Amino acid sequence: MIIRYSANTLPGQLLLPNGYVDMCTPEDLAELATAAHWQDHPEDTPTFVTVVHLWDVDGHDLGLFEVRCEKRPVFTASPLRQA
């Protein structure tokens, strides 16, 4: 399955097996997208907070997440409330 996301407004995508995605929480997917984002941009230093929008996960928009880099390279996601 292709996960389409944006991280700090930059678009990206992540290819994961369907069975694996079915076992993940949205927070797990946001953390994986964040890790993929920073791997795709090795010239940049990960920010303490990365805002991730999971805008296409199997046709569903899972919303915005604040992903904190508590201890590199561990990322922790939590859902953001929309205004």
PDB file of N, CA and C in Angstrom:
ATOM      1  N   MET A   1       0.844  -1.170   0.000  1.00  0.00           N
ATOM      2  CA  MET A   1       0.000   0.000   0.000  1.00  0.00           C
ATOM      3  C   MET A   1       0.897   1.243   0.000  1.00  0.00           C
ATOM      4  N   ILE A   2       0.505   2.218  -0.763  1.00  0.00           N
ATOM      5  CA  ILE A   2       1.239   3.487  -0.791  1.00  0.00           C
ATOM      6  C   ILE A   2       0.559   4.451   0.175  1.00  0.00           C
ATOM      7  N   ILE A   3       1.329   4.937   1.133  1.00  0.00           N
ATOM      8  CA  ILE A   3       0.868   5.940   2.097  1.00  0.00           C
ATOM      9  C   ILE A   3       1.345   7.289   1.577  1.00  0.00           C
ATOM     10  N   ARG A   4       0.415   8.194   1.317  1.00  0.00           N
ATOM     11  CA  ARG A   4       0.782   9.534   0.860  1.00  0.00           C
ATOM     12  C   ARG A   4       0.625  10.492   2.034  1.00  0.00           C
ATOM     13  N   TYR A   5       1.640  11.315   2.230  1.00  0.00           N
ATOM     14  CA  TYR A   5       1.661  12.200   3.393  1.00  0.00           C
ATOM     15  C   TYR A   5       2.386  13.488   3.038  1.00  0.00           C
ATOM     16  N   SER A   6       2.289  14.438   3.924  1.00  0.00           N
ATOM     17  CA  SER A   6       3.172  15.604   3.882  1.00  0.00           C
ATOM     18  C   SER A   6       3.766  15.745   5.271  1.00  0.00           C
ATOM     19  N   ALA A   7       5.036  16.131   5.310  1.00  0.00           N
ATOM     20  CA  ALA A   7       5.745  16.337   6.571  1.00  0.00           C
ATOM     21  C   ALA A   7       6.341  17.733   6.518  1.00  0.00           C
ATOM     22  N   ASN A   8       5.936  18.573   7.455  1.00  0.00           N
ATOM     23  CA  ASN A   8       6.350  19.984   7.442  1.00  0.00           C
ATOM     24  C   ASN A   8       6.094  20.585   6.061  1.00  0.00           C
ATOM     25  N   THR A   9       4.933  20.273   5.508  1.00  0.00           N
ATOM     26  CA  THR A   9       4.399  20.742   4.217  1.00  0.00           C
ATOM     27  C   THR A   9       5.071  20.125   2.991  1.00  0.00           C
ATOM     28  N   LEU A  10       6.084  19.287   3.144  1.00  0.00           N
ATOM     29  CA  LEU A  10       6.734  18.654   2.003  1.00  0.00           C
ATOM     30  C   LEU A  10       6.073  17.305   1.716  1.00  0.00           C
ATOM     31  N   PRO A  11       5.682  17.051   0.462  1.00  0.00           N
ATOM     32  CA  PRO A  11       5.009  15.797   0.138  1.00  0.00           C
ATOM     33  C   PRO A  11       5.963  14.606   0.156  1.00  0.00           C
ATOM     34  N   GLY A  12       5.396  13.447   0.464  1.00  0.00           N
ATOM     35  CA  GLY A  12       6.177  12.221   0.443  1.00  0.00           C
ATOM     36  C   GLY A  12       5.255  11.030   0.337  1.00  0.00           C
ATOM     37  N   GLN A  13       5.837   9.878   0.105  1.00  0.00           N
ATOM     38  CA  GLN A  13       5.056   8.647   0.102  1.00  0.00           C
ATOM     39  C   GLN A  13       5.895   7.512   0.645  1.00  0.00           C
ATOM     40  N   LEU A  14       5.198   6.525   1.164  1.00  0.00           N
ATOM     41  CA  LEU A  14       5.816   5.403   1.842  1.00  0.00           C
ATOM     42  C   LEU A  14       5.111   4.145   1.367  1.00  0.00           C
ATOM     43  N   LEU A  15       5.857   3.143   0.950  1.00  0.00           N
ATOM     44  CA  LEU A  15       5.286   1.882   0.493  1.00  0.00           C
ATOM     45  C   LEU A  15       5.423   0.844   1.608  1.00  0.00           C
ATOM     46  N   LEU A  16       4.284   0.327   2.066  1.00  0.00           N
ATOM     47  CA  LEU A  16       4.257  -0.670   3.142  1.00  0.00           C
ATOM     48  C   LEU A  16       3.325  -1.813   2.756  1.00  0.00           C
ATOM     49  N   PRO A  17       3.594  -3.029   3.240  1.00  0.00           N
ATOM     50  CA  PRO A  17       2.683  -4.148   2.977  1.00  0.00           C
ATOM     51  C   PRO A  17       1.308  -3.901   3.594  1.00  0.00           C
ATOM     52  N   ASN A  18       0.252  -4.300   2.886  1.00  0.00           N
ATOM     53  CA  ASN A  18      -1.118  -4.090   3.372  1.00  0.00           C
ATOM     54  C   ASN A  18      -1.337  -4.683   4.753  1.00  0.00           C
ATOM     55  N   GLY A  19      -0.875  -5.906   4.978  1.00  0.00           N
ATOM     56  CA  GLY A  19      -1.064  -6.555   6.271  1.00  0.00           C
ATOM     57  C   GLY A  19      -0.405  -5.793   7.403  1.00  0.00           C
ATOM     58  N   TYR A  20       0.740  -5.195   7.118  1.00  0.00           N
ATOM     59  CA  TYR A  20       1.442  -4.413   8.133  1.00  0.00           C
ATOM     60  C   TYR A  20       0.659  -3.148   8.463  1.00  0.00           C
ATOM     61  N   VAL A  21       0.159  -2.475   7.418  1.00  0.00           N
ATOM     62  CA  VAL A  21      -0.601  -1.234   7.623  1.00  0.00           C
ATOM     63  C   VAL A  21      -1.859  -1.523   8.439  1.00  0.00           C
ATOM     64  N   ASP A  22      -2.498  -2.668   8.178  1.00  0.00           N
ATOM     65  CA  ASP A  22      -3.720  -3.016   8.912  1.00  0.00           C
ATOM     66  C   ASP A  22      -3.470  -3.158  10.411  1.00  0.00           C
ATOM     67  N   MET A  23      -2.246  -3.494  10.799  1.00  0.00           N
ATOM     68  CA  MET A  23      -1.920  -3.669  12.216  1.00  0.00           C
ATOM     69  C   MET A  23      -1.435  -2.367  12.868  1.00  0.00           C
ATOM     70  N   CYS A  24      -1.176  -1.338  12.088  1.00  0.00           N
ATOM     71  CA  CYS A  24      -0.640  -0.070  12.612  1.00  0.00           C
ATOM     72  C   CYS A  24      -1.758   0.864  13.055  1.00  0.00           C
ATOM     73  N   THR A  25      -1.470   1.650  14.087  1.00  0.00           N
ATOM     74  CA  THR A  25      -2.354   2.751  14.461  1.00  0.00           C
ATOM     75  C   THR A  25      -2.005   3.944  13.588  1.00  0.00           C
ATOM     76  N   PRO A  26      -2.876   4.929  13.491  1.00  0.00           N
ATOM     77  CA  PRO A  26      -2.520   6.144  12.750  1.00  0.00           C
ATOM     78  C   PRO A  26      -1.246   6.802  13.293  1.00  0.00           C
ATOM     79  N   GLU A  27      -1.064   6.748  14.618  1.00  0.00           N
ATOM     80  CA  GLU A  27       0.154   7.309  15.213  1.00  0.00           C
ATOM     81  C   GLU A  27       1.393   6.554  14.731  1.00  0.00           C
ATOM     82  N   ASP A  28       1.283   5.225  14.639  1.00  0.00           N
ATOM     83  CA  ASP A  28       2.406   4.428  14.113  1.00  0.00           C
ATOM     84  C   ASP A  28       2.756   4.864  12.697  1.00  0.00           C
ATOM     85  N   LEU A  29       1.739   5.051  11.872  1.00  0.00           N
ATOM     86  CA  LEU A  29       1.979   5.456  10.482  1.00  0.00           C
ATOM     87  C   LEU A  29       2.599   6.848  10.411  1.00  0.00           C
ATOM     88  N   ALA A  30       2.160   7.746  11.297  1.00  0.00           N
ATOM     89  CA  ALA A  30       2.743   9.095  11.327  1.00  0.00           C
ATOM     90  C   ALA A  30       4.218   9.028  11.713  1.00  0.00           C
ATOM     91  N   GLU A  31       4.551   8.158  12.642  1.00  0.00           N
ATOM     92  CA  GLU A  31       5.952   7.998  13.047  1.00  0.00           C
ATOM     93  C   GLU A  31       6.788   7.417  11.907  1.00  0.00           C
ATOM     94  N   LEU A  32       6.244   6.423  11.198  1.00  0.00           N
ATOM     95  CA  LEU A  32       6.957   5.850  10.059  1.00  0.00           C
ATOM     96  C   LEU A  32       7.132   6.876   8.939  1.00  0.00           C
ATOM     97  N   ALA A  33       6.100   7.680   8.694  1.00  0.00           N
ATOM     98  CA  ALA A  33       6.196   8.720   7.670  1.00  0.00           C
ATOM     99  C   ALA A  33       7.257   9.752   8.053  1.00  0.00           C
ATOM    100  N   THR A  34       7.334  10.081   9.327  1.00  0.00           N
ATOM    101  CA  THR A  34       8.344  11.030   9.790  1.00  0.00           C
ATOM    102  C   THR A  34       9.743  10.479   9.579  1.00  0.00           C
ATOM    103  N   ALA A  35       9.941   9.222   9.943  1.00  0.00           N
ATOM    104  CA  ALA A  35      11.250   8.600   9.741  1.00  0.00           C
ATOM    105  C   ALA A  35      11.612   8.585   8.259  1.00  0.00           C
ATOM    106  N   ALA A  36      10.640   8.248   7.400  1.00  0.00           N
ATOM    107  CA  ALA A  36      10.891   8.231   5.952  1.00  0.00           C
ATOM    108  C   ALA A  36      11.210   9.637   5.441  1.00  0.00           C
ATOM    109  N   HIS A  37      10.492  10.626   5.952  1.00  0.00           N
ATOM    110  CA  HIS A  37      10.733  12.015   5.546  1.00  0.00           C
ATOM    111  C   HIS A  37      12.176  12.429   5.832  1.00  0.00           C
ATOM    112  N   TRP A  38      12.640  12.165   7.044  1.00  0.00           N
ATOM    113  CA  TRP A  38      13.992  12.587   7.402  1.00  0.00           C
ATOM    114  C   TRP A  38      15.046  11.751   6.695  1.00  0.00           C
ATOM    115  N   GLN A  39      14.737  10.503   6.367  1.00  0.00           N
ATOM    116  CA  GLN A  39      15.663   9.695   5.566  1.00  0.00           C
ATOM    117  C   GLN A  39      15.754  10.233   4.139  1.00  0.00           C
ATOM    118  N   ASP A  40      14.637  10.766   3.632  1.00  0.00           N
ATOM    119  CA  ASP A  40      14.617  11.343   2.286  1.00  0.00           C
ATOM    120  C   ASP A  40      15.306  12.703   2.226  1.00  0.00           C
ATOM    121  N   HIS A  41      15.546  13.313   3.381  1.00  0.00           N
ATOM    122  CA  HIS A  41      16.178  14.643   3.456  1.00  0.00           C
ATOM    123  C   HIS A  41      17.386  14.587   4.392  1.00  0.00           C
ATOM    124  N   PRO A  42      18.408  13.795   4.043  1.00  0.00           N
ATOM    125  CA  PRO A  42      19.552  13.623   4.945  1.00  0.00           C
ATOM    126  C   PRO A  42      20.385  14.885   5.142  1.00  0.00           C
ATOM    127  N   GLU A  43      20.232  15.849   4.247  1.00  0.00           N
ATOM    128  CA  GLU A  43      20.987  17.092   4.391  1.00  0.00           C
ATOM    129  C   GLU A  43      20.412  17.987   5.490  1.00  0.00           C
ATOM    130  N   ASP A  44      19.198  17.682   5.938  1.00  0.00           N
ATOM    131  CA  ASP A  44      18.541  18.465   6.981  1.00  0.00           C
ATOM    132  C   ASP A  44      18.620  17.748   8.320  1.00  0.00           C
ATOM    133  N   THR A  45      18.637  18.514   9.393  1.00  0.00           N
ATOM    134  CA  THR A  45      18.607  17.961  10.741  1.00  0.00           C
ATOM    135  C   THR A  45      17.157  17.850  11.171  1.00  0.00           C
ATOM    136  N   PRO A  46      16.733  16.687  11.696  1.00  0.00           N
ATOM    137  CA  PRO A  46      15.337  16.558  12.139  1.00  0.00           C
ATOM    138  C   PRO A  46      14.971  17.631  13.163  1.00  0.00           C
ATOM    139  N   THR A  47      13.801  18.206  12.965  1.00  0.00           N
ATOM    140  CA  THR A  47      13.295  19.196  13.907  1.00  0.00           C
ATOM    141  C   THR A  47      12.720  18.478  15.122  1.00  0.00           C
ATOM    142  N   PHE A  48      12.617  19.196  16.229  1.00  0.00           N
ATOM    143  CA  PHE A  48      12.064  18.609  17.440  1.00  0.00           C
ATOM    144  C   PHE A  48      10.617  18.167  17.210  1.00  0.00           C
ATOM    145  N   VAL A  49       9.864  18.956  16.432  1.00  0.00           N
ATOM    146  CA  VAL A  49       8.480  18.625  16.100  1.00  0.00           C
ATOM    147  C   VAL A  49       8.331  18.618  14.584  1.00  0.00           C
ATOM    148  N   THR A  50       7.765  17.545  14.064  1.00  0.00           N
ATOM    149  CA  THR A  50       7.431  17.441  12.651  1.00  0.00           C
ATOM    150  C   THR A  50       5.917  17.301  12.561  1.00  0.00           C
ATOM    151  N   VAL A  51       5.283  18.148  11.751  1.00  0.00           N
ATOM    152  CA  VAL A  51       3.839  18.042  11.555  1.00  0.00           C
ATOM    153  C   VAL A  51       3.597  17.189  10.315  1.00  0.00           C
ATOM    154  N   VAL A  52       2.883  16.091  10.516  1.00  0.00           N
ATOM    155  CA  VAL A  52       2.620  15.127   9.451  1.00  0.00           C
ATOM    156  C   VAL A  52       1.123  15.087   9.154  1.00  0.00           C
ATOM    157  N   HIS A  53       0.796  15.169   7.868  1.00  0.00           N
ATOM    158  CA  HIS A  53      -0.582  14.996   7.420  1.00  0.00           C
ATOM    159  C   HIS A  53      -0.636  13.705   6.617  1.00  0.00           C
ATOM    160  N   LEU A  54      -1.331  12.711   7.139  1.00  0.00           N
ATOM    161  CA  LEU A  54      -1.537  11.448   6.428  1.00  0.00           C
ATOM    162  C   LEU A  54      -2.789  11.621   5.568  1.00  0.00           C
ATOM    163  N   TRP A  55      -2.603  12.120   4.357  1.00  0.00           N
ATOM    164  CA  TRP A  55      -3.749  12.521   3.553  1.00  0.00           C
ATOM    165  C   TRP A  55      -4.281  11.426   2.639  1.00  0.00           C
ATOM    166  N   ASP A  56      -3.564  10.323   2.475  1.00  0.00           N
ATOM    167  CA  ASP A  56      -4.104   9.218   1.682  1.00  0.00           C
ATOM    168  C   ASP A  56      -3.554   7.889   2.193  1.00  0.00           C
ATOM    169  N   VAL A  57      -4.348   7.246   3.034  1.00  0.00           N
ATOM    170  CA  VAL A  57      -4.030   5.901   3.534  1.00  0.00           C
ATOM    171  C   VAL A  57      -5.213   5.027   3.131  1.00  0.00           C
ATOM    172  N   ASP A  58      -5.021   4.257   2.074  1.00  0.00           N
ATOM    173  CA  ASP A  58      -6.081   3.409   1.529  1.00  0.00           C
ATOM    174  C   ASP A  58      -7.332   4.224   1.222  1.00  0.00           C
ATOM    175  N   GLY A  59      -7.115   5.425   0.669  1.00  0.00           N
ATOM    176  CA  GLY A  59      -8.224   6.291   0.291  1.00  0.00           C
ATOM    177  C   GLY A  59      -8.790   7.136   1.410  1.00  0.00           C
ATOM    178  N   HIS A  60      -8.191   7.076   2.594  1.00  0.00           N
ATOM    179  CA  HIS A  60      -8.701   7.827   3.748  1.00  0.00           C
ATOM    180  C   HIS A  60      -7.696   8.883   4.198  1.00  0.00           C
ATOM    181  N   ASP A  61      -8.217  10.032   4.600  1.00  0.00           N
ATOM    182  CA  ASP A  61      -7.414  11.097   5.190  1.00  0.00           C
ATOM    183  C   ASP A  61      -7.427  10.873   6.703  1.00  0.00           C
ATOM    184  N   LEU A  62      -6.274  10.525   7.264  1.00  0.00           N
ATOM    185  CA  LEU A  62      -6.210  10.248   8.705  1.00  0.00           C
ATOM    186  C   LEU A  62      -5.905  11.483   9.532  1.00  0.00           C
ATOM    187  N   GLY A  63      -5.679  12.621   8.887  1.00  0.00           N
ATOM    188  CA  GLY A  63      -5.515  13.866   9.619  1.00  0.00           C
ATOM    189  C   GLY A  63      -4.075  14.251   9.903  1.00  0.00           C
ATOM    190  N   LEU A  64      -3.951  15.231  10.796  1.00  0.00           N
ATOM    191  CA  LEU A  64      -2.664  15.819  11.160  1.00  0.00           C
ATOM    192  C   LEU A  64      -2.130  15.216  12.456  1.00  0.00           C
ATOM    193  N   PHE A  65      -0.809  15.093  12.512  1.00  0.00           N
ATOM    194  CA  PHE A  65      -0.150  14.569  13.702  1.00  0.00           C
ATOM    195  C   PHE A  65       1.059  15.426  14.022  1.00  0.00           C
ATOM    196  N   GLU A  66       1.282  15.612  15.305  1.00  0.00           N
ATOM    197  CA  GLU A  66       2.503  16.254  15.787  1.00  0.00           C
ATOM    198  C   GLU A  66       3.437  15.121  16.196  1.00  0.00           C
ATOM    199  N   VAL A  67       4.558  15.024  15.526  1.00  0.00           N
ATOM    200  CA  VAL A  67       5.501  13.944  15.802  1.00  0.00           C
ATOM    201  C   VAL A  67       6.746  14.560  16.415  1.00  0.00           C
ATOM    202  N   ARG A  68       7.035  14.177  17.633  1.00  0.00           N
ATOM    203  CA  ARG A  68       8.183  14.727  18.364  1.00  0.00           C
ATOM    204  C   ARG A  68       9.376  13.790  18.270  1.00  0.00           C
ATOM    205  N   CYS A  69      10.531  14.384  18.107  1.00  0.00           N
ATOM    206  CA  CYS A  69      11.780  13.627  18.097  1.00  0.00           C
ATOM    207  C   CYS A  69      12.347  13.713  19.512  1.00  0.00           C
ATOM    208  N   GLU A  70      11.895  12.791  20.352  1.00  0.00           N
ATOM    209  CA  GLU A  70      12.297  12.801  21.755  1.00  0.00           C
ATOM    210  C   GLU A  70      13.746  12.379  21.924  1.00  0.00           C
ATOM    211  N   LYS A  71      14.126  11.352  21.214  1.00  0.00           N
ATOM    212  CA  LYS A  71      15.477  10.831  21.296  1.00  0.00           C
ATOM    213  C   LYS A  71      15.796  10.262  19.925  1.00  0.00           C
ATOM    214  N   ARG A  72      16.715  10.861  19.268  1.00  0.00           N
ATOM    215  CA  ARG A  72      16.981  10.485  17.893  1.00  0.00           C
ATOM    216  C   ARG A  72      17.466   9.063  17.786  1.00  0.00           C
ATOM    217  N   PRO A  73      17.003   8.229  16.890  1.00  0.00           N
ATOM    218  CA  PRO A  73      16.016   8.483  15.851  1.00  0.00           C
ATOM    219  C   PRO A  73      14.617   7.991  16.204  1.00  0.00           C
ATOM    220  N   VAL A  74      14.203   8.077  17.453  1.00  0.00           N
ATOM    221  CA  VAL A  74      12.870   7.634  17.854  1.00  0.00           C
ATOM    222  C   VAL A  74      11.896   8.790  17.689  1.00  0.00           C
ATOM    223  N   PHE A  75      10.769   8.531  17.004  1.00  0.00           N
ATOM    224  CA  PHE A  75       9.752   9.552  16.784  1.00  0.00           C
ATOM    225  C   PHE A  75       8.467   9.128  17.492  1.00  0.00           C
ATOM    226  N   THR A  76       7.762  10.092  18.098  1.00  0.00           N
ATOM    227  CA  THR A  76       6.518   9.818  18.809  1.00  0.00           C
ATOM    228  C   THR A  76       5.424  10.713  18.252  1.00  0.00           C
ATOM    229  N   ALA A  77       4.308  10.117  17.820  1.00  0.00           N
ATOM    230  CA  ALA A  77       3.215  10.866  17.195  1.00  0.00           C
ATOM    231  C   ALA A  77       2.034  10.987  18.142  1.00  0.00           C
ATOM    232  N   SER A  78       1.298  12.097  18.010  1.00  0.00           N
ATOM    233  CA  SER A  78       0.025  12.256  18.697  1.00  0.00           C
ATOM    234  C   SER A  78      -0.899  13.061  17.773  1.00  0.00           C
ATOM    235  N   PRO A  79      -2.188  12.723  17.751  1.00  0.00           N
ATOM    236  CA  PRO A  79      -3.103  13.414  16.850  1.00  0.00           C
ATOM    237  C   PRO A  79      -3.286  14.863  17.264  1.00  0.00           C
ATOM    238  N   LEU A  80      -3.479  15.751  16.279  1.00  0.00           N
ATOM    239  CA  LEU A  80      -3.748  17.157  16.543  1.00  0.00           C
ATOM    240  C   LEU A  80      -5.244  17.414  16.345  1.00  0.00           C
ATOM    241  N   ARG A  81      -5.800  18.241  17.180  1.00  0.00           N
ATOM    242  CA  ARG A  81      -7.201  18.625  17.007  1.00  0.00           C
ATOM    243  C   ARG A  81      -7.268  19.734  15.965  1.00  0.00           C
ATOM    244  N   GLN A  82      -8.246  19.622  15.092  1.00  0.00           N
ATOM    245  CA  GLN A  82      -8.394  20.647  14.053  1.00  0.00           C
ATOM    246  C   GLN A  82      -9.389  21.697  14.515  1.00  0.00           C
ATOM    247  N   ALA A  83      -9.108  22.934  14.149  1.00  0.00           N
ATOM    248  CA  ALA A  83      -9.965  24.045  14.575  1.00  0.00           C
ATOM    249  C   ALA A  83     -11.262  24.062  13.801  1.00  0.00           C
TER     250      ALA A  83
END
